[in-house]
Amino acid sequence: VQLQASGGGLVQAGGSLRLSCAASGGTFNIYGMGWFRQAPGKDREFVAAIQWRVGITLYADSVKGRFTISRENAKNAMYLQMNGLKPEDTAVYYCAVDKQGGGEYDFWGQGTQVTVSS
């Protein structure tokens, strides 16, 4: 599975961005997809995930109520709508695929930079 993340950029605090992740190659019957992020000097952390077939979502507490994950099955695409952005949301955002459903993310995109200025 190949993943291409896009949509990052520079935005002021309180602003919005929409990240996209396009999946290709072997996407048939994947279990779910997720977004992760890594800020400089910090470990990678979970942001949100979505179950591919029925659309059940899961969010990190830090983004609940501000971020919305969605998917478009026909296009093999996943999105992350980020509203109310804060400087602490600054990170490289990665999309990933959990193909088997065991919570292990097997495939990763290259990341897209999100920078939130105060």
PDB file of N, CA and C in Angstrom:
ATOM      1  N   VAL A   1       0.848  -1.188   0.000  1.00  0.00           N
ATOM      2  CA  VAL A   1       0.000   0.000   0.000  1.00  0.00           C
ATOM      3  C   VAL A   1       0.885   1.239   0.000  1.00  0.00           C
ATOM      4  N   GLN A   2       0.596   2.155  -0.888  1.00  0.00           N
ATOM      5  CA  GLN A   2       1.322   3.429  -0.932  1.00  0.00           C
ATOM      6  C   GLN A   2       0.395   4.546  -0.452  1.00  0.00           C
ATOM      7  N   LEU A   3       0.950   5.433   0.351  1.00  0.00           N
ATOM      8  CA  LEU A   3       0.169   6.521   0.928  1.00  0.00           C
ATOM      9  C   LEU A   3       0.821   7.857   0.594  1.00  0.00           C
ATOM     10  N   GLN A   4      -0.002   8.818   0.239  1.00  0.00           N
ATOM     11  CA  GLN A   4       0.481  10.158  -0.080  1.00  0.00           C
ATOM     12  C   GLN A   4      -0.315  11.153   0.733  1.00  0.00           C
ATOM     13  N   ALA A   5       0.342  11.797   1.687  1.00  0.00           N
ATOM     14  CA  ALA A   5      -0.310  12.807   2.518  1.00  0.00           C
ATOM     15  C   ALA A   5      -0.058  14.193   1.939  1.00  0.00           C
ATOM     16  N   SER A   6      -1.053  15.063   2.069  1.00  0.00           N
ATOM     17  CA  SER A   6      -0.923  16.429   1.571  1.00  0.00           C
ATOM     18  C   SER A   6      -1.829  17.355   2.373  1.00  0.00           C
ATOM     19  N   GLY A   7      -1.659  18.653   2.153  1.00  0.00           N
ATOM     20  CA  GLY A   7      -2.551  19.616   2.777  1.00  0.00           C
ATOM     21  C   GLY A   7      -1.961  20.400   3.924  1.00  0.00           C
ATOM     22  N   GLY A   8      -0.736  20.079   4.317  1.00  0.00           N
ATOM     23  CA  GLY A   8      -0.116  20.812   5.402  1.00  0.00           C
ATOM     24  C   GLY A   8       0.215  22.233   4.995  1.00  0.00           C
ATOM     25  N   GLY A   9       0.632  23.032   5.974  1.00  0.00           N
ATOM     26  CA  GLY A   9       0.999  24.408   5.685  1.00  0.00           C
ATOM     27  C   GLY A   9       1.181  25.204   6.948  1.00  0.00           C
ATOM     28  N   LEU A  10       1.266  26.512   6.755  1.00  0.00           N
ATOM     29  CA  LEU A  10       1.442  27.448   7.867  1.00  0.00           C
ATOM     30  C   LEU A  10       0.116  28.158   8.095  1.00  0.00           C
ATOM     31  N   VAL A  11      -0.334  28.180   9.330  1.00  0.00           N
ATOM     32  CA  VAL A  11      -1.609  28.806   9.656  1.00  0.00           C
ATOM     33  C   VAL A  11      -1.495  29.476  11.023  1.00  0.00           C
ATOM     34  N   GLN A  12      -2.264  30.518  11.218  1.00  0.00           N
ATOM     35  CA  GLN A  12      -2.275  31.179  12.518  1.00  0.00           C
ATOM     36  C   GLN A  12      -3.123  30.402  13.514  1.00  0.00           C
ATOM     37  N   ALA A  13      -2.827  30.581  14.774  1.00  0.00           N
ATOM     38  CA  ALA A  13      -3.614  29.944  15.827  1.00  0.00           C
ATOM     39  C   ALA A  13      -5.092  30.295  15.646  1.00  0.00           C
ATOM     40  N   GLY A  14      -5.927  29.279  15.805  1.00  0.00           N
ATOM     41  CA  GLY A  14      -7.355  29.452  15.596  1.00  0.00           C
ATOM     42  C   GLY A  14      -7.808  29.130  14.185  1.00  0.00           C
ATOM     43  N   GLY A  15      -6.863  28.969  13.295  1.00  0.00           N
ATOM     44  CA  GLY A  15      -7.194  28.692  11.909  1.00  0.00           C
ATOM     45  C   GLY A  15      -7.488  27.221  11.658  1.00  0.00           C
ATOM     46  N   SER A  16      -7.667  26.903  10.386  1.00  0.00           N
ATOM     47  CA  SER A  16      -8.041  25.549   9.983  1.00  0.00           C
ATOM     48  C   SER A  16      -7.179  25.059   8.826  1.00  0.00           C
ATOM     49  N   LEU A  17      -7.018  23.765   8.769  1.00  0.00           N
ATOM     50  CA  LEU A  17      -6.382  23.089   7.650  1.00  0.00           C
ATOM     51  C   LEU A  17      -7.087  21.763   7.427  1.00  0.00           C
ATOM     52  N   ARG A  18      -7.029  21.285   6.204  1.00  0.00           N
ATOM     53  CA  ARG A  18      -7.581  19.966   5.890  1.00  0.00           C
ATOM     54  C   ARG A  18      -6.491  19.124   5.263  1.00  0.00           C
ATOM     55  N   LEU A  19      -6.138  18.051   5.930  1.00  0.00           N
ATOM     56  CA  LEU A  19      -5.147  17.126   5.402  1.00  0.00           C
ATOM     57  C   LEU A  19      -5.844  16.032   4.610  1.00  0.00           C
ATOM     58  N   SER A  20      -5.168  15.577   3.572  1.00  0.00           N
ATOM     59  CA  SER A  20      -5.679  14.480   2.753  1.00  0.00           C
ATOM     60  C   SER A  20      -4.646  13.371   2.706  1.00  0.00           C
ATOM     61  N   CYS A  21      -5.117  12.154   2.561  1.00  0.00           N
ATOM     62  CA  CYS A  21      -4.235  11.003   2.403  1.00  0.00           C
ATOM     63  C   CYS A  21      -4.818  10.123   1.314  1.00  0.00           C
ATOM     64  N   ALA A  22      -4.065   9.961   0.239  1.00  0.00           N
ATOM     65  CA  ALA A  22      -4.502   9.118  -0.872  1.00  0.00           C
ATOM     66  C   ALA A  22      -3.788   7.783  -0.772  1.00  0.00           C
ATOM     67  N   ALA A  23      -4.557   6.705  -0.813  1.00  0.00           N
ATOM     68  CA  ALA A  23      -4.004   5.356  -0.724  1.00  0.00           C
ATOM     69  C   ALA A  23      -4.125   4.654  -2.068  1.00  0.00           C
ATOM     70  N   SER A  24      -3.115   3.843  -2.387  1.00  0.00           N
ATOM     71  CA  SER A  24      -3.155   3.083  -3.627  1.00  0.00           C
ATOM     72  C   SER A  24      -2.422   1.764  -3.447  1.00  0.00           C
ATOM     73  N   GLY A  25      -2.774   0.784  -4.295  1.00  0.00           N
ATOM     74  CA  GLY A  25      -2.062  -0.477  -4.277  1.00  0.00           C
ATOM     75  C   GLY A  25      -2.384  -1.337  -3.076  1.00  0.00           C
ATOM     76  N   GLY A  26      -3.245  -2.318  -3.217  1.00  0.00           N
ATOM     77  CA  GLY A  26      -3.531  -3.236  -2.127  1.00  0.00           C
ATOM     78  C   GLY A  26      -4.435  -2.682  -1.060  1.00  0.00           C
ATOM     79  N   THR A  27      -5.279  -1.725  -1.440  1.00  0.00           N
ATOM     80  CA  THR A  27      -6.151  -1.121  -0.451  1.00  0.00           C
ATOM     81  C   THR A  27      -7.435  -1.910  -0.230  1.00  0.00           C
ATOM     82  N   PHE A  28      -7.642  -2.933  -1.035  1.00  0.00           N
ATOM     83  CA  PHE A  28      -8.867  -3.706  -0.902  1.00  0.00           C
ATOM     84  C   PHE A  28      -8.928  -4.334   0.478  1.00  0.00           C
ATOM     85  N   ASN A  29     -10.062  -4.112   1.159  1.00  0.00           N
ATOM     86  CA  ASN A  29     -10.359  -4.796   2.408  1.00  0.00           C
ATOM     87  C   ASN A  29      -9.422  -4.429   3.558  1.00  0.00           C
ATOM     88  N   ILE A  30      -8.904  -3.189   3.568  1.00  0.00           N
ATOM     89  CA  ILE A  30      -8.113  -2.794   4.726  1.00  0.00           C
ATOM     90  C   ILE A  30      -9.041  -2.572   5.911  1.00  0.00           C
ATOM     91  N   TYR A  31      -8.510  -2.691   7.124  1.00  0.00           N
ATOM     92  CA  TYR A  31      -9.321  -2.548   8.320  1.00  0.00           C
ATOM     93  C   TYR A  31      -9.553  -1.085   8.664  1.00  0.00           C
ATOM     94  N   GLY A  32      -8.488  -0.294   8.662  1.00  0.00           N
ATOM     95  CA  GLY A  32      -8.640   1.105   9.041  1.00  0.00           C
ATOM     96  C   GLY A  32      -7.435   1.937   8.682  1.00  0.00           C
ATOM     97  N   MET A  33      -7.595   3.233   8.883  1.00  0.00           N
ATOM     98  CA  MET A  33      -6.503   4.170   8.639  1.00  0.00           C
ATOM     99  C   MET A  33      -6.433   5.150   9.782  1.00  0.00           C
ATOM    100  N   GLY A  34      -5.280   5.761   9.918  1.00  0.00           N
ATOM    101  CA  GLY A  34      -5.118   6.696  11.021  1.00  0.00           C
ATOM    102  C   GLY A  34      -4.183   7.828  10.695  1.00  0.00           C
ATOM    103  N   TRP A  35      -4.239   8.853  11.526  1.00  0.00           N
ATOM    104  CA  TRP A  35      -3.325   9.984  11.464  1.00  0.00           C
ATOM    105  C   TRP A  35      -2.477   9.991  12.739  1.00  0.00           C
ATOM    106  N   PHE A  36      -1.204  10.249  12.551  1.00  0.00           N
ATOM    107  CA  PHE A  36      -0.268  10.398  13.649  1.00  0.00           C
ATOM    108  C   PHE A  36       0.498  11.700  13.413  1.00  0.00           C
ATOM    109  N   ARG A  37       1.172  12.171  14.459  1.00  0.00           N
ATOM    110  CA  ARG A  37       1.993  13.363  14.278  1.00  0.00           C
ATOM    111  C   ARG A  37       3.237  13.261  15.143  1.00  0.00           C
ATOM    112  N   GLN A  38       4.258  13.975  14.704  1.00  0.00           N
ATOM    113  CA  GLN A  38       5.505  14.015  15.453  1.00  0.00           C
ATOM    114  C   GLN A  38       6.042  15.428  15.452  1.00  0.00           C
ATOM    115  N   ALA A  39       6.143  15.992  16.644  1.00  0.00           N
ATOM    116  CA  ALA A  39       6.706  17.325  16.815  1.00  0.00           C
ATOM    117  C   ALA A  39       8.200  17.195  17.048  1.00  0.00           C
ATOM    118  N   PRO A  40       8.962  18.252  16.772  1.00  0.00           N
ATOM    119  CA  PRO A  40      10.420  18.195  16.964  1.00  0.00           C
ATOM    120  C   PRO A  40      10.778  17.809  18.393  1.00  0.00           C
ATOM    121  N   GLY A  41      11.647  16.822  18.533  1.00  0.00           N
ATOM    122  CA  GLY A  41      12.106  16.406  19.841  1.00  0.00           C
ATOM    123  C   GLY A  41      11.122  15.558  20.622  1.00  0.00           C
ATOM    124  N   LYS A  42      10.016  15.202  19.998  1.00  0.00           N
ATOM    125  CA  LYS A  42       9.003  14.410  20.696  1.00  0.00           C
ATOM    126  C   LYS A  42       8.752  13.102  19.962  1.00  0.00           C
ATOM    127  N   ASP A  43       8.161  12.159  20.676  1.00  0.00           N
ATOM    128  CA  ASP A  43       7.790  10.898  20.054  1.00  0.00           C
ATOM    129  C   ASP A  43       6.568  11.081  19.155  1.00  0.00           C
ATOM    130  N   ARG A  44       6.441  10.188  18.213  1.00  0.00           N
ATOM    131  CA  ARG A  44       5.250  10.188  17.380  1.00  0.00           C
ATOM    132  C   ARG A  44       4.039   9.853  18.229  1.00  0.00           C
ATOM    133  N   GLU A  45       2.928  10.549  17.995  1.00  0.00           N
ATOM    134  CA  GLU A  45       1.735  10.301  18.785  1.00  0.00           C
ATOM    135  C   GLU A  45       0.519  10.110  17.898  1.00  0.00           C
ATOM    136  N   PHE A  46      -0.404   9.331  18.419  1.00  0.00           N
ATOM    137  CA  PHE A  46      -1.656   9.067  17.733  1.00  0.00           C
ATOM    138  C   PHE A  46      -2.536  10.310  17.726  1.00  0.00           C
ATOM    139  N   VAL A  47      -3.205  10.562  16.617  1.00  0.00           N
ATOM    140  CA  VAL A  47      -4.123  11.698  16.501  1.00  0.00           C
ATOM    141  C   VAL A  47      -5.571  11.219  16.338  1.00  0.00           C
ATOM    142  N   ALA A  48      -5.806  10.405  15.328  1.00  0.00           N
ATOM    143  CA  ALA A  48      -7.166   9.942  15.051  1.00  0.00           C
ATOM    144  C   ALA A  48      -7.115   8.715  14.161  1.00  0.00           C
ATOM    145  N   ALA A  49      -8.178   7.933  14.207  1.00  0.00           N
ATOM    146  CA  ALA A  49      -8.265   6.745  13.360  1.00  0.00           C
ATOM    147  C   ALA A  49      -9.701   6.528  12.934  1.00  0.00           C
ATOM    148  N   ILE A  50      -9.849   5.822  11.833  1.00  0.00           N
ATOM    149  CA  ILE A  50     -11.183   5.520  11.327  1.00  0.00           C
ATOM    150  C   ILE A  50     -11.215   4.096  10.797  1.00  0.00           C
ATOM    151  N   GLN A  51     -12.280   3.389  11.161  1.00  0.00           N
ATOM    152  CA  GLN A  51     -12.453   2.045  10.641  1.00  0.00           C
ATOM    153  C   GLN A  51     -13.017   2.157   9.231  1.00  0.00           C
ATOM    154  N   TRP A  52     -12.376   1.485   8.302  1.00  0.00           N
ATOM    155  CA  TRP A  52     -12.655   1.749   6.893  1.00  0.00           C
ATOM    156  C   TRP A  52     -14.066   1.356   6.475  1.00  0.00           C
ATOM    157  N   ARG A  53     -14.561   0.217   6.957  1.00  0.00           N
ATOM    158  CA  ARG A  53     -15.833  -0.287   6.443  1.00  0.00           C
ATOM    159  C   ARG A  53     -17.021   0.458   7.032  1.00  0.00           C
ATOM    160  N   VAL A  54     -17.045   0.661   8.356  1.00  0.00           N
ATOM    161  CA  VAL A  54     -18.232   1.238   8.978  1.00  0.00           C
ATOM    162  C   VAL A  54     -18.020   2.666   9.463  1.00  0.00           C
ATOM    163  N   GLY A  55     -16.779   3.145   9.415  1.00  0.00           N
ATOM    164  CA  GLY A  55     -16.556   4.549   9.723  1.00  0.00           C
ATOM    165  C   GLY A  55     -16.467   4.909  11.188  1.00  0.00           C
ATOM    166  N   ILE A  56     -16.293   3.932  12.056  1.00  0.00           N
ATOM    167  CA  ILE A  56     -16.117   4.242  13.480  1.00  0.00           C
ATOM    168  C   ILE A  56     -14.825   5.027  13.653  1.00  0.00           C
ATOM    169  N   THR A  57     -14.887   6.081  14.466  1.00  0.00           N
ATOM    170  CA  THR A  57     -13.732   6.952  14.644  1.00  0.00           C
ATOM    171  C   THR A  57     -13.223   6.934  16.081  1.00  0.00           C
ATOM    172  N   LEU A  58     -11.982   7.329  16.211  1.00  0.00           N
ATOM    173  CA  LEU A  58     -11.318   7.400  17.505  1.00  0.00           C
ATOM    174  C   LEU A  58     -10.382   8.592  17.482  1.00  0.00           C
ATOM    175  N   TYR A  59     -10.349   9.360  18.583  1.00  0.00           N
ATOM    176  CA  TYR A  59      -9.523  10.558  18.629  1.00  0.00           C
ATOM    177  C   TYR A  59      -8.672  10.592  19.890  1.00  0.00           C
ATOM    178  N   ALA A  60      -7.522  11.217  19.761  1.00  0.00           N
ATOM    179  CA  ALA A  60      -6.740  11.547  20.944  1.00  0.00           C
ATOM    180  C   ALA A  60      -7.469  12.647  21.704  1.00  0.00           C
ATOM    181  N   ASP A  61      -7.344  12.625  23.021  1.00  0.00           N
ATOM    182  CA  ASP A  61      -8.037  13.631  23.837  1.00  0.00           C
ATOM    183  C   ASP A  61      -7.633  15.056  23.446  1.00  0.00           C
ATOM    184  N   SER A  62      -6.404  15.221  23.034  1.00  0.00           N
ATOM    185  CA  SER A  62      -5.885  16.559  22.729  1.00  0.00           C
ATOM    186  C   SER A  62      -6.543  17.195  21.506  1.00  0.00           C
ATOM    187  N   VAL A  63      -7.199  16.384  20.664  1.00  0.00           N
ATOM    188  CA  VAL A  63      -7.791  16.940  19.442  1.00  0.00           C
ATOM    189  C   VAL A  63      -9.307  16.774  19.384  1.00  0.00           C
ATOM    190  N   LYS A  64      -9.874  16.100  20.365  1.00  0.00           N
ATOM    191  CA  LYS A  64     -11.326  15.890  20.364  1.00  0.00           C
ATOM    192  C   LYS A  64     -12.062  17.218  20.332  1.00  0.00           C
ATOM    193  N   GLY A  65     -13.071  17.277  19.480  1.00  0.00           N
ATOM    194  CA  GLY A  65     -13.858  18.492  19.357  1.00  0.00           C
ATOM    195  C   GLY A  65     -13.274  19.514  18.414  1.00  0.00           C
ATOM    196  N   ARG A  66     -12.033  19.319  17.992  1.00  0.00           N
ATOM    197  CA  ARG A  66     -11.390  20.261  17.064  1.00  0.00           C
ATOM    198  C   ARG A  66     -11.082  19.604  15.723  1.00  0.00           C
ATOM    199  N   PHE A  67     -10.702  18.344  15.742  1.00  0.00           N
ATOM    200  CA  PHE A  67     -10.333  17.622  14.516  1.00  0.00           C
ATOM    201  C   PHE A  67     -11.438  16.627  14.158  1.00  0.00           C
ATOM    202  N   THR A  68     -11.605  16.419  12.869  1.00  0.00           N
ATOM    203  CA  THR A  68     -12.564  15.433  12.381  1.00  0.00           C
ATOM    204  C   THR A  68     -11.918  14.580  11.303  1.00  0.00           C
ATOM    205  N   ILE A  69     -11.924  13.272  11.530  1.00  0.00           N
ATOM    206  CA  ILE A  69     -11.384  12.339  10.547  1.00  0.00           C
ATOM    207  C   ILE A  69     -12.536  11.796   9.707  1.00  0.00           C
ATOM    208  N   SER A  70     -12.283  11.613   8.425  1.00  0.00           N
ATOM    209  CA  SER A  70     -13.308  11.057   7.542  1.00  0.00           C
ATOM    210  C   SER A  70     -12.620  10.279   6.429  1.00  0.00           C
ATOM    211  N   ARG A  71     -13.421   9.508   5.714  1.00  0.00           N
ATOM    212  CA  ARG A  71     -12.857   8.763   4.582  1.00  0.00           C
ATOM    213  C   ARG A  71     -13.843   8.744   3.431  1.00  0.00           C
ATOM    214  N   GLU A  72     -13.292   8.534   2.263  1.00  0.00           N
ATOM    215  CA  GLU A  72     -14.083   8.435   1.041  1.00  0.00           C
ATOM    216  C   GLU A  72     -13.651   7.137   0.372  1.00  0.00           C
ATOM    217  N   ASN A  73     -14.419   6.092   0.650  1.00  0.00           N
ATOM    218  CA  ASN A  73     -14.012   4.749   0.240  1.00  0.00           C
ATOM    219  C   ASN A  73     -13.790   4.643  -1.272  1.00  0.00           C
ATOM    220  N   ALA A  74     -14.668   5.255  -2.043  1.00  0.00           N
ATOM    221  CA  ALA A  74     -14.583   5.129  -3.499  1.00  0.00           C
ATOM    222  C   ALA A  74     -13.270   5.702  -4.038  1.00  0.00           C
ATOM    223  N   LYS A  75     -12.713   6.665  -3.324  1.00  0.00           N
ATOM    224  CA  LYS A  75     -11.470   7.287  -3.778  1.00  0.00           C
ATOM    225  C   LYS A  75     -10.261   6.774  -3.000  1.00  0.00           C
ATOM    226  N   ASN A  76     -10.483   5.827  -2.073  1.00  0.00           N
ATOM    227  CA  ASN A  76      -9.390   5.353  -1.214  1.00  0.00           C
ATOM    228  C   ASN A  76      -8.678   6.538  -0.558  1.00  0.00           C
ATOM    229  N   ALA A  77      -9.468   7.451  -0.047  1.00  0.00           N
ATOM    230  CA  ALA A  77      -8.907   8.663   0.528  1.00  0.00           C
ATOM    231  C   ALA A  77      -9.386   8.860   1.960  1.00  0.00           C
ATOM    232  N   MET A  78      -8.542   9.472   2.743  1.00  0.00           N
ATOM    233  CA  MET A  78      -8.849   9.803   4.124  1.00  0.00           C
ATOM    234  C   MET A  78      -8.518  11.271   4.338  1.00  0.00           C
ATOM    235  N   TYR A  79      -9.257  11.896   5.243  1.00  0.00           N
ATOM    236  CA  TYR A  79      -9.068  13.321   5.473  1.00  0.00           C
ATOM    237  C   TYR A  79      -8.976  13.609   6.972  1.00  0.00           C
ATOM    238  N   LEU A  80      -8.371  14.733   7.295  1.00  0.00           N
ATOM    239  CA  LEU A  80      -8.355  15.218   8.663  1.00  0.00           C
ATOM    240  C   LEU A  80      -8.653  16.710   8.620  1.00  0.00           C
ATOM    241  N   GLN A  81      -9.855  17.069   9.018  1.00  0.00           N
ATOM    242  CA  GLN A  81     -10.224  18.468   9.111  1.00  0.00           C
ATOM    243  C   GLN A  81      -9.797  18.975  10.476  1.00  0.00           C
ATOM    244  N   MET A  82      -8.931  19.971  10.478  1.00  0.00           N
ATOM    245  CA  MET A  82      -8.379  20.487  11.722  1.00  0.00           C
ATOM    246  C   MET A  82      -8.845  21.923  11.906  1.00  0.00           C
ATOM    247  N   ASN A  83      -9.646  22.142  12.923  1.00  0.00           N
ATOM    248  CA  ASN A  83     -10.146  23.468  13.255  1.00  0.00           C
ATOM    249  C   ASN A  83      -9.600  23.903  14.606  1.00  0.00           C
ATOM    250  N   GLY A  84      -9.646  25.180  14.865  1.00  0.00           N
ATOM    251  CA  GLY A  84      -9.168  25.672  16.148  1.00  0.00           C
ATOM    252  C   GLY A  84      -7.731  25.288  16.433  1.00  0.00           C
ATOM    253  N   LEU A  85      -6.892  25.400  15.430  1.00  0.00           N
ATOM    254  CA  LEU A  85      -5.504  24.956  15.578  1.00  0.00           C
ATOM    255  C   LEU A  85      -4.756  25.755  16.626  1.00  0.00           C
ATOM    256  N   LYS A  86      -3.879  25.071  17.336  1.00  0.00           N
ATOM    257  CA  LYS A  86      -3.074  25.659  18.396  1.00  0.00           C
ATOM    258  C   LYS A  86      -1.600  25.484  18.050  1.00  0.00           C
ATOM    259  N   PRO A  87      -0.732  26.337  18.593  1.00  0.00           N
ATOM    260  CA  PRO A  87       0.707  26.163  18.334  1.00  0.00           C
ATOM    261  C   PRO A  87       1.198  24.754  18.685  1.00  0.00           C
ATOM    262  N   GLU A  88       0.631  24.140  19.695  1.00  0.00           N
ATOM    263  CA  GLU A  88       1.062  22.792  20.077  1.00  0.00           C
ATOM    264  C   GLU A  88       0.627  21.717  19.091  1.00  0.00           C
ATOM    265  N   ASP A  89      -0.167  22.080  18.094  1.00  0.00           N
ATOM    266  CA  ASP A  89      -0.499  21.140  17.022  1.00  0.00           C
ATOM    267  C   ASP A  89       0.594  21.091  15.946  1.00  0.00           C
ATOM    268  N   THR A  90       1.569  21.960  16.060  1.00  0.00           N
ATOM    269  CA  THR A  90       2.660  21.982  15.094  1.00  0.00           C
ATOM    270  C   THR A  90       3.412  20.657  15.111  1.00  0.00           C
ATOM    271  N   ALA A  91       3.512  20.033  13.948  1.00  0.00           N
ATOM    272  CA  ALA A  91       4.145  18.719  13.836  1.00  0.00           C
ATOM    273  C   ALA A  91       4.140  18.288  12.375  1.00  0.00           C
ATOM    274  N   VAL A  92       4.858  17.221  12.113  1.00  0.00           N
ATOM    275  CA  VAL A  92       4.699  16.519  10.837  1.00  0.00           C
ATOM    276  C   VAL A  92       3.601  15.489  11.042  1.00  0.00           C
ATOM    277  N   TYR A  93       2.621  15.533  10.155  1.00  0.00           N
ATOM    278  CA  TYR A  93       1.470  14.635  10.251  1.00  0.00           C
ATOM    279  C   TYR A  93       1.629  13.504   9.239  1.00  0.00           C
ATOM    280  N   TYR A  94       1.417  12.290   9.718  1.00  0.00           N
ATOM    281  CA  TYR A  94       1.557  11.094   8.897  1.00  0.00           C
ATOM    282  C   TYR A  94       0.229  10.344   8.836  1.00  0.00           C
ATOM    283  N   CYS A  95      -0.068   9.803   7.672  1.00  0.00           N
ATOM    284  CA  CYS A  95      -1.197   8.891   7.578  1.00  0.00           C
ATOM    285  C   CYS A  95      -0.658   7.454   7.508  1.00  0.00           C
ATOM    286  N   ALA A  96      -1.455   6.533   7.972  1.00  0.00           N
ATOM    287  CA  ALA A  96      -1.013   5.147   8.056  1.00  0.00           C
ATOM    288  C   ALA A  96      -2.192   4.205   7.890  1.00  0.00           C
ATOM    289  N   VAL A  97      -1.882   2.991   7.498  1.00  0.00           N
ATOM    290  CA  VAL A  97      -2.895   1.954   7.269  1.00  0.00           C
ATOM    291  C   VAL A  97      -2.722   0.810   8.255  1.00  0.00           C
ATOM    292  N   ASP A  98      -3.825   0.429   8.879  1.00  0.00           N
ATOM    293  CA  ASP A  98      -3.891  -0.787   9.692  1.00  0.00           C
ATOM    294  C   ASP A  98      -4.614  -1.812   8.825  1.00  0.00           C
ATOM    295  N   LYS A  99      -3.871  -2.658   8.182  1.00  0.00           N
ATOM    296  CA  LYS A  99      -4.495  -3.529   7.180  1.00  0.00           C
ATOM    297  C   LYS A  99      -5.254  -4.699   7.793  1.00  0.00           C
ATOM    298  N   GLN A 100      -4.742  -5.231   8.884  1.00  0.00           N
ATOM    299  CA  GLN A 100      -5.321  -6.451   9.438  1.00  0.00           C
ATOM    300  C   GLN A 100      -6.282  -6.196  10.590  1.00  0.00           C
ATOM    301  N   GLY A 101      -6.217  -5.037  11.198  1.00  0.00           N
ATOM    302  CA  GLY A 101      -7.122  -4.742  12.295  1.00  0.00           C
ATOM    303  C   GLY A 101      -6.567  -5.063  13.665  1.00  0.00           C
ATOM    304  N   GLY A 102      -5.296  -5.318  13.766  1.00  0.00           N
ATOM    305  CA  GLY A 102      -4.731  -5.650  15.057  1.00  0.00           C
ATOM    306  C   GLY A 102      -4.148  -4.460  15.794  1.00  0.00           C
ATOM    307  N   GLY A 103      -4.388  -3.251  15.252  1.00  0.00           N
ATOM    308  CA  GLY A 103      -3.832  -2.061  15.872  1.00  0.00           C
ATOM    309  C   GLY A 103      -2.405  -1.776  15.471  1.00  0.00           C
ATOM    310  N   GLU A 104      -1.861  -2.599  14.600  1.00  0.00           N
ATOM    311  CA  GLU A 104      -0.513  -2.378  14.103  1.00  0.00           C
ATOM    312  C   GLU A 104      -0.608  -1.677  12.744  1.00  0.00           C
ATOM    313  N   TYR A 105       0.007  -0.524  12.640  1.00  0.00           N
ATOM    314  CA  TYR A 105      -0.025   0.222  11.392  1.00  0.00           C
ATOM    315  C   TYR A 105       1.126  -0.229  10.510  1.00  0.00           C
ATOM    316  N   ASP A 106       0.755  -0.834   9.380  1.00  0.00           N
ATOM    317  CA  ASP A 106       1.722  -1.529   8.545  1.00  0.00           C
ATOM    318  C   ASP A 106       2.359  -0.636   7.490  1.00  0.00           C
ATOM    319  N   PHE A 107       1.624   0.381   7.067  1.00  0.00           N
ATOM    320  CA  PHE A 107       2.082   1.210   5.963  1.00  0.00           C
ATOM    321  C   PHE A 107       1.955   2.682   6.348  1.00  0.00           C
ATOM    322  N   TRP A 108       2.961   3.465   5.941  1.00  0.00           N
ATOM    323  CA  TRP A 108       3.026   4.862   6.332  1.00  0.00           C
ATOM    324  C   TRP A 108       3.285   5.757   5.136  1.00  0.00           C
ATOM    325  N   GLY A 109       2.677   6.939   5.173  1.00  0.00           N
ATOM    326  CA  GLY A 109       2.962   7.951   4.178  1.00  0.00           C
ATOM    327  C   GLY A 109       4.191   8.749   4.579  1.00  0.00           C
ATOM    328  N   GLN A 110       4.539   9.721   3.740  1.00  0.00           N
ATOM    329  CA  GLN A 110       5.785  10.454   3.931  1.00  0.00           C
ATOM    330  C   GLN A 110       5.658  11.619   4.888  1.00  0.00           C
ATOM    331  N   GLY A 111       4.468  12.019   5.252  1.00  0.00           N
ATOM    332  CA  GLY A 111       4.277  13.111   6.188  1.00  0.00           C
ATOM    333  C   GLY A 111       4.073  14.453   5.510  1.00  0.00           C
ATOM    334  N   THR A 112       3.320  15.302   6.185  1.00  0.00           N
ATOM    335  CA  THR A 112       3.096  16.668   5.713  1.00  0.00           C
ATOM    336  C   THR A 112       3.216  17.601   6.908  1.00  0.00           C
ATOM    337  N   GLN A 113       3.929  18.704   6.726  1.00  0.00           N
ATOM    338  CA  GLN A 113       4.236  19.612   7.826  1.00  0.00           C
ATOM    339  C   GLN A 113       3.064  20.545   8.101  1.00  0.00           C
ATOM    340  N   VAL A 114       2.684  20.624   9.365  1.00  0.00           N
ATOM    341  CA  VAL A 114       1.690  21.591   9.822  1.00  0.00           C
ATOM    342  C   VAL A 114       2.368  22.505  10.839  1.00  0.00           C
ATOM    343  N   THR A 115       2.324  23.795  10.584  1.00  0.00           N
ATOM    344  CA  THR A 115       2.927  24.773  11.475  1.00  0.00           C
ATOM    345  C   THR A 115       1.868  25.791  11.874  1.00  0.00           C
ATOM    346  N   VAL A 116       1.674  25.937  13.182  1.00  0.00           N
ATOM    347  CA  VAL A 116       0.675  26.865  13.693  1.00  0.00           C
ATOM    348  C   VAL A 116       1.404  27.970  14.448  1.00  0.00           C
ATOM    349  N   SER A 117       1.251  29.182  13.980  1.00  0.00           N
ATOM    350  CA  SER A 117       1.923  30.314  14.618  1.00  0.00           C
ATOM    351  C   SER A 117       0.998  30.951  15.656  1.00  0.00           C
ATOM    352  N   SER A 118       1.626  31.483  16.693  1.00  0.00           N
ATOM    353  CA  SER A 118       0.835  32.087  17.783  1.00  0.00           C
ATOM    354  C   SER A 118       0.569  33.562  17.532  1.00  0.00           C
TER     355      SER A 118
END
